Structure formats: C-alpha cells, structure tokens
C-alpha cells in the first residue's frame, strides 16, 4: 500500500472517531479517543519517517 494512502486512512480514522465520540457518545469517551488519536499520530510519523529515509537513500 502506498504511503500516502496509509496516512490518509489514519487521518480519516482519527476524524471519524472524534466525530462519533462527539455526536453519538456526547464526549463520554474523550480520554480513550485522545489516546487512540495519539497512537495513530505516532504510527503515521513512523510511516512518514521510514518513507523519508527510503527516499533519502535513493
């Protein structure tokens, strides 16, 4: 899977989880959603860093 596709999917999951938390759950799970968003952000930074290193070596 392309790096750009992975990053877009991660961003979409982050936004959809926030939207569901605010609209359906009335913000009751905000702590869990923040942790999920943080973990997804760190995963996306690792994916981006690996891609930058791969392009730098070429």
N, C-alpha and C. Protein backbone atom coordinates (compact mmCIF):
# COMPACT_ATOMS: atom_id res chain seq x y z
N UNK A 1 0.85 -1.18 0.00
CA UNK A 1 0.00 0.00 0.00
C UNK A 1 0.89 1.24 0.00
N UNK A 2 0.48 2.23 -0.73
CA UNK A 2 1.27 3.45 -0.81
C UNK A 2 1.24 4.22 0.51
N UNK A 3 2.32 4.94 0.76
CA UNK A 3 2.44 5.70 1.99
C UNK A 3 1.36 6.76 2.11
N UNK A 4 1.07 7.44 1.04
CA UNK A 4 0.04 8.48 1.07
C UNK A 4 -1.31 7.89 1.44
N UNK A 5 -1.63 6.72 0.93
CA UNK A 5 -2.90 6.07 1.24
C UNK A 5 -2.97 5.72 2.72
N UNK A 6 -1.88 5.21 3.27
CA UNK A 6 -1.85 4.86 4.70
C UNK A 6 -2.08 6.10 5.54
N UNK A 7 -1.42 7.19 5.22
CA UNK A 7 -1.56 8.42 6.01
C UNK A 7 -2.97 8.99 5.91
N UNK A 8 -3.58 8.93 4.73
CA UNK A 8 -4.95 9.42 4.57
C UNK A 8 -5.93 8.57 5.37
N UNK A 9 -5.73 7.26 5.37
CA UNK A 9 -6.60 6.36 6.14
C UNK A 9 -6.48 6.65 7.63
N UNK A 10 -5.26 6.88 8.11
CA UNK A 10 -5.05 7.19 9.53
C UNK A 10 -5.75 8.50 9.90
N UNK A 11 -5.61 9.51 9.06
CA UNK A 11 -6.29 10.79 9.32
C UNK A 11 -7.80 10.60 9.34
N UNK A 12 -8.32 9.82 8.40
CA UNK A 12 -9.76 9.59 8.35
C UNK A 12 -10.26 8.87 9.60
N UNK A 13 -9.51 7.88 10.08
CA UNK A 13 -9.91 7.17 11.30
C UNK A 13 -9.90 8.11 12.49
N UNK A 14 -8.90 8.98 12.57
CA UNK A 14 -8.84 9.94 13.67
C UNK A 14 -10.06 10.87 13.67
N UNK A 15 -10.41 11.39 12.52
CA UNK A 15 -11.53 12.32 12.44
C UNK A 15 -12.87 11.62 12.67
N UNK A 16 -13.04 10.45 12.11
CA UNK A 16 -14.29 9.72 12.30
C UNK A 16 -14.48 9.33 13.76
N UNK A 17 -13.40 8.91 14.42
CA UNK A 17 -13.52 8.55 15.84
C UNK A 17 -13.89 9.77 16.68
N UNK A 18 -13.32 10.94 16.37
CA UNK A 18 -13.70 12.16 17.08
C UNK A 18 -15.15 12.54 16.81
N UNK A 19 -15.57 12.40 15.57
CA UNK A 19 -16.95 12.73 15.21
C UNK A 19 -17.94 11.81 15.93
N UNK A 20 -17.66 10.53 15.96
CA UNK A 20 -18.53 9.58 16.65
C UNK A 20 -18.58 9.87 18.14
N UNK A 21 -17.42 10.20 18.72
CA UNK A 21 -17.37 10.49 20.15
C UNK A 21 -18.22 11.71 20.49
N UNK A 22 -18.14 12.74 19.69
CA UNK A 22 -18.86 13.98 19.98
C UNK A 22 -20.36 13.83 19.70
N UNK A 23 -20.71 13.22 18.58
CA UNK A 23 -22.12 13.19 18.19
C UNK A 23 -22.90 12.06 18.84
N UNK A 24 -22.36 10.86 18.85
CA UNK A 24 -23.12 9.72 19.36
C UNK A 24 -22.90 9.45 20.84
N UNK A 25 -21.70 9.69 21.32
CA UNK A 25 -21.36 9.36 22.70
C UNK A 25 -21.32 10.57 23.63
N UNK A 26 -21.63 11.75 23.11
CA UNK A 26 -21.63 13.00 23.87
C UNK A 26 -20.32 13.26 24.61
N UNK A 27 -19.23 12.85 24.02
CA UNK A 27 -17.90 13.12 24.58
C UNK A 27 -17.54 12.28 25.79
N UNK A 28 -18.27 11.20 26.03
CA UNK A 28 -18.00 10.38 27.21
C UNK A 28 -16.68 9.62 27.11
N UNK A 29 -16.25 9.31 25.91
CA UNK A 29 -15.02 8.53 25.73
C UNK A 29 -13.87 9.41 25.26
N UNK A 30 -13.85 10.64 25.64
CA UNK A 30 -12.84 11.57 25.12
C UNK A 30 -11.42 11.14 25.47
N UNK A 31 -11.21 10.59 26.65
CA UNK A 31 -9.87 10.14 27.03
C UNK A 31 -9.38 9.01 26.16
N UNK A 32 -10.26 8.06 25.88
CA UNK A 32 -9.88 6.93 25.03
C UNK A 32 -9.62 7.40 23.60
N UNK A 33 -10.43 8.33 23.12
CA UNK A 33 -10.27 8.84 21.76
C UNK A 33 -8.97 9.63 21.64
N UNK A 34 -8.61 10.38 22.67
CA UNK A 34 -7.35 11.12 22.64
C UNK A 34 -6.17 10.15 22.59
N UNK A 35 -6.23 9.09 23.38
CA UNK A 35 -5.17 8.08 23.34
C UNK A 35 -5.10 7.43 21.97
N UNK A 36 -6.25 7.08 21.40
CA UNK A 36 -6.28 6.48 20.07
C UNK A 36 -5.68 7.43 19.03
N UNK A 37 -6.05 8.69 19.10
CA UNK A 37 -5.52 9.67 18.16
C UNK A 37 -4.01 9.84 18.32
N UNK A 38 -3.53 9.82 19.55
CA UNK A 38 -2.10 9.94 19.80
C UNK A 38 -1.34 8.75 19.23
N UNK A 39 -1.86 7.57 19.45
CA UNK A 39 -1.21 6.36 18.92
C UNK A 39 -1.21 6.38 17.40
N UNK A 40 -2.33 6.75 16.80
CA UNK A 40 -2.39 6.84 15.34
C UNK A 40 -1.45 7.90 14.80
N UNK A 41 -1.31 9.02 15.51
CA UNK A 41 -0.38 10.06 15.10
C UNK A 41 1.06 9.54 15.13
N UNK A 42 1.41 8.82 16.19
CA UNK A 42 2.77 8.28 16.27
C UNK A 42 3.03 7.25 15.18
N UNK A 43 2.04 6.43 14.87
CA UNK A 43 2.18 5.46 13.78
C UNK A 43 2.40 6.19 12.45
N UNK A 44 1.64 7.24 12.23
CA UNK A 44 1.79 7.99 10.98
C UNK A 44 3.15 8.66 10.89
N UNK A 45 3.70 9.13 12.01
CA UNK A 45 5.03 9.73 11.99
C UNK A 45 6.10 8.69 11.68
N UNK A 46 5.94 7.48 12.19
CA UNK A 46 6.88 6.41 11.88
C UNK A 46 6.81 6.06 10.40
N UNK A 47 5.60 5.95 9.86
CA UNK A 47 5.45 5.64 8.44
C UNK A 47 6.08 6.74 7.59
N UNK A 48 5.83 7.98 7.95
CA UNK A 48 6.40 9.10 7.20
C UNK A 48 7.92 9.10 7.31
N UNK A 49 8.45 8.87 8.49
CA UNK A 49 9.90 8.85 8.68
C UNK A 49 10.57 7.74 7.89
N UNK A 50 9.95 6.57 7.84
CA UNK A 50 10.51 5.48 7.05
C UNK A 50 10.52 5.84 5.56
N UNK A 51 9.48 6.49 5.10
CA UNK A 51 9.40 6.89 3.69
C UNK A 51 10.47 7.94 3.37
N UNK A 52 10.67 8.89 4.26
CA UNK A 52 11.69 9.92 4.04
C UNK A 52 13.07 9.28 3.99
N UNK A 53 13.36 8.35 4.89
CA UNK A 53 14.65 7.67 4.89
C UNK A 53 14.84 6.85 3.62
N UNK A 54 13.78 6.21 3.16
CA UNK A 54 13.87 5.41 1.94
C UNK A 54 14.18 6.30 0.73
N UNK A 55 13.54 7.47 0.67
CA UNK A 55 13.80 8.37 -0.46
C UNK A 55 15.16 9.04 -0.35
N UNK A 56 15.64 9.26 0.87
CA UNK A 56 16.96 9.88 1.05
C UNK A 56 18.07 8.95 0.59
N UNK A 57 17.89 7.64 0.79
CA UNK A 57 18.91 6.67 0.41
C UNK A 57 18.99 6.49 -1.10
N UNK A 58 17.90 6.80 -1.81
CA UNK A 58 17.92 6.68 -3.27
C UNK A 58 18.65 7.83 -3.84
